[in-house]
C-alpha cells in the first residue's frame, strides 16, 4: 500500500474580512507554516476561490483558505508513504491545526468537514470486494457508487 496524498476540507458560511482576520491570527500559524500568500482575487470573484495559501515548513502540505472553505492538502514522500501510522500522525496534526485556525476565525460555525485519502494498493484481484469488506460495512450487494460515509 502506498499513501499518495490526503485532503481535509472544511466548509463554512461566507467569512467577511478574511485577510484582516488571517493577519490578526498569524502568530498561531507561523510555528508550522511559512509566511502566507495573499492572492489578489477580486471581491466579486466566486467565494470558493482561495484568497490565502500557506505551505508547511517541510513543504508536505498546502493550506488553502477561501471565503467559504479551507483545505489542507498533503503529499507524502518515501519517508511516509508506506507507513500509515506516520501518515496518520502527520495528517491528524495538520487537520487539528487547520480546524483550530478556522475555529479562531469562525467559532462554532463549521458546516461540513470531509477527508479524502488517495491510496495505491498492491495487487488486489477484486477491488470492489476489497472496498466493501475492508473499507465499508455496507451491504455487499450495493453498487460501488453507493459507498460513502456521512456523519452529523
N, C-alpha and C. Protein backbone atom coordinates (compact mmCIF):
# COMPACT_ATOMS: atom_id res chain seq x y z
N UNK A 1 0.84 -1.17 0.00
CA UNK A 1 0.00 0.00 0.00
C UNK A 1 0.89 1.24 0.00
N UNK A 2 0.54 2.20 -0.85
CA UNK A 2 1.26 3.46 -0.91
C UNK A 2 0.25 4.59 -0.71
N UNK A 3 0.47 5.41 0.30
CA UNK A 3 -0.40 6.54 0.56
C UNK A 3 0.15 7.72 -0.25
N UNK A 4 -0.61 8.19 -1.22
CA UNK A 4 -0.14 9.26 -2.10
C UNK A 4 -0.39 10.65 -1.50
N UNK A 5 -1.63 10.91 -1.10
CA UNK A 5 -1.96 12.23 -0.60
C UNK A 5 -3.23 12.18 0.23
N UNK A 6 -3.48 13.26 0.92
CA UNK A 6 -4.71 13.39 1.70
C UNK A 6 -5.16 14.85 1.64
N UNK A 7 -6.46 15.02 1.79
CA UNK A 7 -7.04 16.37 1.81
C UNK A 7 -8.09 16.43 2.90
N UNK A 8 -8.00 17.42 3.72
CA UNK A 8 -9.00 17.70 4.76
C UNK A 8 -9.65 19.02 4.37
N UNK A 9 -10.98 19.02 4.26
CA UNK A 9 -11.70 20.19 3.81
C UNK A 9 -12.76 20.60 4.83
N UNK A 10 -12.87 21.88 5.04
CA UNK A 10 -13.89 22.46 5.90
C UNK A 10 -14.71 23.45 5.07
N UNK A 11 -16.01 23.41 5.21
CA UNK A 11 -16.87 24.40 4.57
C UNK A 11 -17.60 25.17 5.66
N UNK A 12 -17.78 26.45 5.43
CA UNK A 12 -18.40 27.31 6.43
C UNK A 12 -19.13 28.45 5.73
N UNK A 13 -19.98 29.17 6.47
CA UNK A 13 -20.65 30.32 5.87
C UNK A 13 -19.63 31.36 5.43
N UNK A 14 -20.00 32.18 4.51
CA UNK A 14 -19.08 33.19 3.97
C UNK A 14 -18.41 33.98 5.10
N UNK A 15 -17.11 34.05 5.02
CA UNK A 15 -16.30 34.74 6.02
C UNK A 15 -15.95 36.13 5.49
N UNK A 16 -16.40 37.13 6.18
CA UNK A 16 -16.09 38.51 5.80
C UNK A 16 -14.75 38.91 6.41
N UNK A 17 -14.03 39.78 5.74
CA UNK A 17 -12.77 40.34 6.22
C UNK A 17 -11.72 39.25 6.47
N UNK A 18 -11.66 38.28 5.56
CA UNK A 18 -10.74 37.14 5.70
C UNK A 18 -9.29 37.59 5.86
N UNK A 19 -8.85 38.45 4.98
CA UNK A 19 -7.44 38.86 5.01
C UNK A 19 -7.07 39.48 6.36
N UNK A 20 -7.92 40.36 6.85
CA UNK A 20 -7.65 41.01 8.12
C UNK A 20 -7.61 39.99 9.25
N UNK A 21 -8.54 39.02 9.23
CA UNK A 21 -8.59 38.01 10.30
C UNK A 21 -7.36 37.11 10.27
N UNK A 22 -6.87 36.80 9.09
CA UNK A 22 -5.65 35.98 8.99
C UNK A 22 -4.46 36.75 9.56
N UNK A 23 -4.34 38.01 9.20
CA UNK A 23 -3.24 38.83 9.72
C UNK A 23 -3.31 38.90 11.24
N UNK A 24 -4.51 39.06 11.80
CA UNK A 24 -4.67 39.15 13.25
C UNK A 24 -4.30 37.83 13.95
N UNK A 25 -4.43 36.71 13.24
CA UNK A 25 -4.17 35.40 13.85
C UNK A 25 -2.92 34.72 13.30
N UNK A 26 -2.04 35.47 12.66
CA UNK A 26 -0.89 34.85 12.00
C UNK A 26 0.08 34.19 12.98
N UNK A 27 0.14 34.65 14.22
CA UNK A 27 1.07 34.06 15.18
C UNK A 27 0.84 32.57 15.37
N UNK A 28 -0.42 32.15 15.37
CA UNK A 28 -0.70 30.73 15.58
C UNK A 28 -0.33 29.88 14.37
N UNK A 29 -0.06 30.49 13.25
CA UNK A 29 0.27 29.76 12.03
C UNK A 29 1.78 29.65 11.78
N UNK A 30 2.53 30.61 12.25
CA UNK A 30 3.94 30.71 11.85
C UNK A 30 4.86 29.67 12.48
N UNK A 31 4.39 28.91 13.48
CA UNK A 31 5.23 27.84 14.02
C UNK A 31 5.44 26.72 13.01
N UNK A 32 4.40 26.38 12.27
CA UNK A 32 4.47 25.25 11.35
C UNK A 32 4.36 25.63 9.87
N UNK A 33 3.91 26.84 9.60
CA UNK A 33 3.70 27.26 8.22
C UNK A 33 4.66 28.36 7.84
N UNK A 34 5.02 28.40 6.55
CA UNK A 34 5.79 29.51 6.02
C UNK A 34 4.86 30.72 5.92
N UNK A 35 5.40 31.90 5.71
CA UNK A 35 4.54 33.08 5.58
C UNK A 35 3.47 32.86 4.49
N UNK A 36 2.30 33.35 4.77
CA UNK A 36 1.18 33.15 3.86
C UNK A 36 1.29 34.06 2.63
N UNK A 37 0.61 33.63 1.59
CA UNK A 37 0.49 34.42 0.38
C UNK A 37 -0.95 34.87 0.27
N UNK A 38 -1.15 36.17 0.13
CA UNK A 38 -2.48 36.72 -0.10
C UNK A 38 -2.60 36.94 -1.60
N UNK A 39 -3.60 36.32 -2.22
CA UNK A 39 -3.77 36.41 -3.66
C UNK A 39 -4.68 37.58 -4.02
N UNK A 40 -4.37 38.29 -5.07
CA UNK A 40 -5.18 39.45 -5.47
C UNK A 40 -6.46 39.02 -6.21
N UNK A 41 -7.33 38.38 -5.49
CA UNK A 41 -8.59 37.91 -6.06
C UNK A 41 -9.63 39.03 -5.87
N UNK A 42 -10.30 39.42 -6.93
CA UNK A 42 -11.31 40.48 -6.80
C UNK A 42 -12.43 40.07 -5.84
N UNK A 43 -13.00 41.04 -5.15
CA UNK A 43 -14.06 40.77 -4.19
C UNK A 43 -15.28 40.13 -4.83
N UNK A 44 -15.51 40.39 -6.11
CA UNK A 44 -16.69 39.82 -6.78
C UNK A 44 -16.42 38.45 -7.41
N UNK A 45 -15.22 37.90 -7.21
CA UNK A 45 -14.91 36.55 -7.71
C UNK A 45 -15.66 35.53 -6.87
N UNK A 46 -15.89 34.33 -7.41
CA UNK A 46 -16.59 33.30 -6.62
C UNK A 46 -15.91 33.09 -5.26
N UNK A 47 -16.72 32.94 -4.20
CA UNK A 47 -16.15 32.87 -2.85
C UNK A 47 -15.30 31.63 -2.59
N UNK A 48 -15.46 30.58 -3.39
CA UNK A 48 -14.68 29.36 -3.14
C UNK A 48 -13.26 29.42 -3.68
N UNK A 49 -12.91 30.46 -4.42
CA UNK A 49 -11.54 30.63 -4.91
C UNK A 49 -10.64 31.00 -3.73
N UNK A 50 -9.54 30.26 -3.53
CA UNK A 50 -8.66 30.57 -2.39
C UNK A 50 -8.11 31.99 -2.46
N UNK A 51 -8.19 32.66 -1.34
CA UNK A 51 -7.63 34.02 -1.22
C UNK A 51 -6.27 33.98 -0.55
N UNK A 52 -6.03 32.94 0.25
CA UNK A 52 -4.79 32.84 1.01
C UNK A 52 -4.27 31.40 0.90
N UNK A 53 -2.96 31.25 0.68
CA UNK A 53 -2.34 29.93 0.68
C UNK A 53 -1.10 29.99 1.57
N UNK A 54 -0.83 28.85 2.18
CA UNK A 54 0.34 28.71 3.03
C UNK A 54 0.91 27.30 2.89
N UNK A 55 2.21 27.19 2.73
CA UNK A 55 2.87 25.90 2.73
C UNK A 55 3.39 25.62 4.14
N UNK A 56 3.42 24.33 4.49
CA UNK A 56 4.07 23.98 5.75
C UNK A 56 5.57 24.14 5.56
N UNK A 57 6.29 24.27 6.65
CA UNK A 57 7.73 24.49 6.57
C UNK A 57 8.45 23.33 5.90
N UNK A 58 7.93 22.11 6.07
CA UNK A 58 8.56 20.96 5.42
C UNK A 58 8.06 20.78 3.99
N UNK A 59 7.12 21.60 3.57
CA UNK A 59 6.55 21.63 2.22
C UNK A 59 5.78 20.37 1.83
N UNK A 60 5.35 19.57 2.81
CA UNK A 60 4.49 18.43 2.52
C UNK A 60 3.06 18.87 2.27
N UNK A 61 2.65 19.96 2.92
CA UNK A 61 1.25 20.35 2.90
C UNK A 61 1.07 21.78 2.42
N UNK A 62 -0.14 22.01 1.89
CA UNK A 62 -0.54 23.33 1.42
C UNK A 62 -1.91 23.62 1.99
N UNK A 63 -2.02 24.75 2.70
CA UNK A 63 -3.29 25.19 3.27
C UNK A 63 -3.87 26.24 2.35
N UNK A 64 -5.12 26.03 1.93
CA UNK A 64 -5.83 26.96 1.05
C UNK A 64 -7.04 27.48 1.81
N UNK A 65 -7.20 28.79 1.85
CA UNK A 65 -8.32 29.38 2.58
C UNK A 65 -9.09 30.30 1.63
N UNK A 66 -10.39 30.04 1.52
CA UNK A 66 -11.27 30.89 0.72
C UNK A 66 -12.29 31.53 1.65
N UNK A 67 -13.21 32.27 1.07
CA UNK A 67 -14.25 32.91 1.88
C UNK A 67 -15.25 31.92 2.43
N UNK A 68 -15.35 30.73 1.81
CA UNK A 68 -16.37 29.75 2.23
C UNK A 68 -15.80 28.38 2.57
N UNK A 69 -14.48 28.23 2.54
CA UNK A 69 -13.91 26.93 2.85
C UNK A 69 -12.41 26.98 3.02
N UNK A 70 -11.89 25.93 3.63
CA UNK A 70 -10.45 25.78 3.79
C UNK A 70 -10.11 24.32 3.54
N UNK A 71 -8.93 24.09 3.01
CA UNK A 71 -8.48 22.72 2.77
C UNK A 71 -6.99 22.66 3.00
N UNK A 72 -6.56 21.54 3.56
CA UNK A 72 -5.13 21.29 3.66
C UNK A 72 -4.84 20.03 2.86
N UNK A 73 -3.97 20.18 1.88
CA UNK A 73 -3.59 19.06 1.01
C UNK A 73 -2.18 18.64 1.39
N UNK A 74 -2.01 17.33 1.57
CA UNK A 74 -0.71 16.79 1.96
C UNK A 74 -0.28 15.75 0.93
N UNK A 75 0.97 15.83 0.51
CA UNK A 75 1.55 14.87 -0.42
C UNK A 75 2.69 14.18 0.31
N UNK A 76 2.61 12.85 0.40
CA UNK A 76 3.56 12.08 1.20
C UNK A 76 4.73 11.61 0.34
N UNK A 77 5.95 11.71 0.89
CA UNK A 77 7.13 11.23 0.17
C UNK A 77 7.50 9.83 0.65
N UNK A 78 8.65 9.35 0.21
CA UNK A 78 9.08 7.99 0.53
C UNK A 78 9.32 7.77 2.02
N UNK A 79 9.52 8.83 2.79
CA UNK A 79 9.70 8.68 4.23
C UNK A 79 8.40 8.35 4.94
N UNK A 80 7.26 8.61 4.29
CA UNK A 80 5.96 8.43 4.92
C UNK A 80 5.05 7.46 4.17
N UNK A 81 5.10 7.47 2.85
CA UNK A 81 4.01 6.90 2.05
C UNK A 81 3.76 5.40 2.18
N UNK A 82 4.62 4.67 2.82
CA UNK A 82 4.36 3.24 3.02
C UNK A 82 4.02 2.91 4.48
N UNK A 83 3.93 3.94 5.29
CA UNK A 83 3.67 3.73 6.71
C UNK A 83 2.43 4.52 7.12
N UNK A 84 1.30 3.83 7.20
CA UNK A 84 0.04 4.51 7.53
C UNK A 84 0.11 5.18 8.90
N UNK A 85 0.84 4.60 9.85
CA UNK A 85 0.96 5.21 11.18
C UNK A 85 1.59 6.59 11.11
N UNK A 86 2.67 6.72 10.35
CA UNK A 86 3.32 8.02 10.19
C UNK A 86 2.39 9.00 9.47
N UNK A 87 1.76 8.53 8.39
CA UNK A 87 0.85 9.40 7.63
C UNK A 87 -0.29 9.87 8.51
N UNK A 88 -0.85 8.95 9.27
CA UNK A 88 -2.00 9.29 10.11
C UNK A 88 -1.60 10.30 11.17
N UNK A 89 -0.45 10.12 11.80
CA UNK A 89 0.01 11.06 12.83
C UNK A 89 0.19 12.46 12.23
N UNK A 90 0.83 12.52 11.07
CA UNK A 90 1.03 13.82 10.41
C UNK A 90 -0.31 14.42 10.00
N UNK A 91 -1.16 13.59 9.40
CA UNK A 91 -2.48 14.04 8.95
C UNK A 91 -3.32 14.54 10.13
N UNK A 92 -3.32 13.80 11.23
CA UNK A 92 -4.08 14.21 12.42
C UNK A 92 -3.61 15.57 12.91
N UNK A 93 -2.30 15.77 12.94
CA UNK A 93 -1.75 17.03 13.40
C UNK A 93 -2.19 18.18 12.50
N UNK A 94 -2.10 17.99 11.20
CA UNK A 94 -2.44 19.07 10.26
C UNK A 94 -3.94 19.34 10.23
N UNK A 95 -4.78 18.31 10.38
CA UNK A 95 -6.22 18.56 10.40
C UNK A 95 -6.59 19.34 11.66
N UNK A 96 -5.97 19.03 12.78
CA UNK A 96 -6.25 19.77 14.01
C UNK A 96 -5.81 21.23 13.88
N UNK A 97 -4.65 21.45 13.29
CA UNK A 97 -4.19 22.82 13.09
C UNK A 97 -5.15 23.59 12.19
N UNK A 98 -5.57 22.97 11.11
CA UNK A 98 -6.47 23.63 10.18
C UNK A 98 -7.79 23.95 10.86
N UNK A 99 -8.34 22.99 11.59
CA UNK A 99 -9.60 23.22 12.29
C UNK A 99 -9.44 24.36 13.30
N UNK A 100 -8.34 24.37 14.03
CA UNK A 100 -8.12 25.42 15.03
C UNK A 100 -8.01 26.80 14.40
N UNK A 101 -7.35 26.89 13.25
CA UNK A 101 -7.25 28.17 12.55
C UNK A 101 -8.64 28.66 12.18
N UNK A 102 -9.43 27.80 11.56
CA UNK A 102 -10.77 28.19 11.13
C UNK A 102 -11.66 28.47 12.34
N UNK A 103 -11.49 27.69 13.39
CA UNK A 103 -12.29 27.92 14.60
C UNK A 103 -12.00 29.31 15.19
N UNK A 104 -10.75 29.75 15.11
CA UNK A 104 -10.41 31.10 15.59
C UNK A 104 -11.11 32.17 14.75
N UNK A 105 -11.23 31.91 13.46
CA UNK A 105 -11.85 32.89 12.56
C UNK A 105 -13.37 32.83 12.62
N UNK A 106 -13.91 31.64 12.82
CA UNK A 106 -15.36 31.39 12.79
C UNK A 106 -15.76 30.46 13.92
N UNK A 107 -15.75 30.88 15.15
CA UNK A 107 -16.09 29.96 16.24
C UNK A 107 -17.46 29.32 16.05
N UNK A 108 -17.49 27.99 16.16
CA UNK A 108 -18.72 27.19 16.14
C UNK A 108 -19.54 27.35 14.86
N UNK A 109 -18.88 27.60 13.73
CA UNK A 109 -19.66 27.80 12.51
C UNK A 109 -19.26 26.89 11.36
N UNK A 110 -18.43 25.90 11.59
CA UNK A 110 -18.07 24.97 10.52
C UNK A 110 -19.32 24.15 10.17
N UNK A 111 -19.65 24.09 8.89
CA UNK A 111 -20.85 23.38 8.45
C UNK A 111 -20.56 21.95 8.01
N UNK A 112 -19.44 21.75 7.32
CA UNK A 112 -19.14 20.44 6.76
C UNK A 112 -17.63 20.20 6.84
N UNK A 113 -17.26 18.95 7.14
CA UNK A 113 -15.86 18.53 7.10
C UNK A 113 -15.77 17.29 6.22
N UNK A 114 -14.70 17.17 5.47
CA UNK A 114 -14.51 15.95 4.69
C UNK A 114 -13.03 15.58 4.67
N UNK A 115 -12.79 14.30 4.51
CA UNK A 115 -11.43 13.77 4.44
C UNK A 115 -11.36 12.89 3.20
N UNK A 116 -10.29 13.07 2.43
CA UNK A 116 -10.05 12.22 1.27
C UNK A 116 -8.60 11.77 1.33
N UNK A 117 -8.38 10.47 1.19
CA UNK A 117 -7.03 9.92 1.17
C UNK A 117 -6.90 9.09 -0.10
N UNK A 118 -5.87 9.37 -0.88
CA UNK A 118 -5.63 8.60 -2.11
C UNK A 118 -4.55 7.57 -1.82
N UNK A 119 -4.91 6.29 -2.02
CA UNK A 119 -4.03 5.17 -1.70
C UNK A 119 -3.89 4.28 -2.94
N UNK A 120 -2.68 3.84 -3.21
CA UNK A 120 -2.44 2.83 -4.24
C UNK A 120 -2.27 1.49 -3.52
N UNK A 121 -3.07 0.54 -3.91
CA UNK A 121 -2.98 -0.78 -3.29
C UNK A 121 -2.13 -1.69 -4.17
N UNK A 122 -1.44 -2.60 -3.52
CA UNK A 122 -0.71 -3.61 -4.27
C UNK A 122 -1.74 -4.47 -4.98
N UNK A 123 -1.38 -5.59 -5.44
CA UNK A 123 -2.28 -6.43 -6.23
C UNK A 123 -3.55 -6.76 -5.46
N UNK A 124 -4.67 -6.37 -6.05
CA UNK A 124 -5.99 -6.71 -5.50
C UNK A 124 -6.77 -7.31 -6.64
N UNK A 125 -7.16 -8.54 -6.48
CA UNK A 125 -7.88 -9.21 -7.55
C UNK A 125 -9.31 -8.69 -7.71
N UNK A 126 -9.93 -8.39 -6.61
CA UNK A 126 -11.32 -7.93 -6.62
C UNK A 126 -11.39 -6.59 -5.89
N UNK A 127 -11.07 -5.47 -6.53
CA UNK A 127 -11.02 -4.20 -5.82
C UNK A 127 -12.36 -3.78 -5.22
N UNK A 128 -13.45 -4.03 -5.90
CA UNK A 128 -14.76 -3.65 -5.37
C UNK A 128 -15.06 -4.47 -4.11
N UNK A 129 -14.77 -5.77 -4.16
CA UNK A 129 -14.96 -6.62 -3.00
C UNK A 129 -14.07 -6.16 -1.84
N UNK A 130 -12.83 -5.82 -2.15
CA UNK A 130 -11.92 -5.32 -1.13
C UNK A 130 -12.50 -4.09 -0.43
N UNK A 131 -12.98 -3.12 -1.22
CA UNK A 131 -13.57 -1.92 -0.63
C UNK A 131 -14.76 -2.26 0.26
N UNK A 132 -15.58 -3.13 -0.20
CA UNK A 132 -16.77 -3.50 0.56
C UNK A 132 -16.40 -4.18 1.87
N UNK A 133 -15.38 -5.03 1.84
CA UNK A 133 -15.02 -5.79 3.04
C UNK A 133 -14.12 -5.00 4.00
N UNK A 134 -13.18 -4.24 3.47
CA UNK A 134 -12.17 -3.60 4.30
C UNK A 134 -12.46 -2.14 4.65
N UNK A 135 -13.12 -1.46 3.77
CA UNK A 135 -13.31 -0.03 3.95
C UNK A 135 -14.70 0.30 4.49
N UNK A 136 -15.68 -0.46 4.08
CA UNK A 136 -17.05 -0.14 4.46
C UNK A 136 -17.68 -1.28 5.23
N UNK A 137 -18.80 -0.99 5.80
CA UNK A 137 -19.57 -2.03 6.48
C UNK A 137 -20.97 -2.12 5.86
N UNK A 138 -21.05 -1.73 4.60
CA UNK A 138 -22.34 -1.71 3.92
C UNK A 138 -22.68 -3.07 3.33
N UNK A 139 -23.89 -3.20 2.91
CA UNK A 139 -24.41 -4.41 2.29
C UNK A 139 -23.58 -4.75 1.04
N UNK A 140 -23.04 -5.98 0.94
CA UNK A 140 -22.20 -6.34 -0.20
C UNK A 140 -22.94 -6.38 -1.54
N UNK A 141 -24.25 -6.27 -1.53
CA UNK A 141 -24.98 -6.24 -2.80
C UNK A 141 -25.11 -4.83 -3.37
N UNK A 142 -24.59 -3.84 -2.62
CA UNK A 142 -24.68 -2.44 -3.07
C UNK A 142 -23.79 -2.20 -4.28
N UNK A 143 -24.15 -1.21 -5.05
CA UNK A 143 -23.31 -0.74 -6.13
C UNK A 143 -22.15 0.06 -5.53
N UNK A 144 -20.96 0.00 -6.10
CA UNK A 144 -19.80 0.69 -5.56
C UNK A 144 -20.04 2.19 -5.47
N UNK A 145 -20.85 2.77 -6.34
CA UNK A 145 -21.12 4.21 -6.30
C UNK A 145 -21.98 4.60 -5.10
N UNK A 146 -22.55 3.62 -4.40
CA UNK A 146 -23.37 3.91 -3.23
C UNK A 146 -22.55 3.96 -1.95
N UNK A 147 -21.26 3.60 -2.04
CA UNK A 147 -20.44 3.55 -0.84
C UNK A 147 -20.01 4.96 -0.46
N UNK A 148 -20.23 5.33 0.76
CA UNK A 148 -19.86 6.63 1.26
C UNK A 148 -20.03 6.66 2.75
N UNK A 149 -19.69 7.77 3.34
CA UNK A 149 -19.81 7.90 4.79
C UNK A 149 -20.21 9.32 5.10
N UNK A 150 -21.21 9.47 5.93
CA UNK A 150 -21.64 10.80 6.37
C UNK A 150 -21.79 10.77 7.88
N UNK A 151 -21.41 11.84 8.51
CA UNK A 151 -21.60 11.95 9.96
C UNK A 151 -22.13 13.33 10.27
N UNK A 152 -23.04 13.41 11.19
CA UNK A 152 -23.56 14.72 11.60
C UNK A 152 -23.53 14.82 13.11
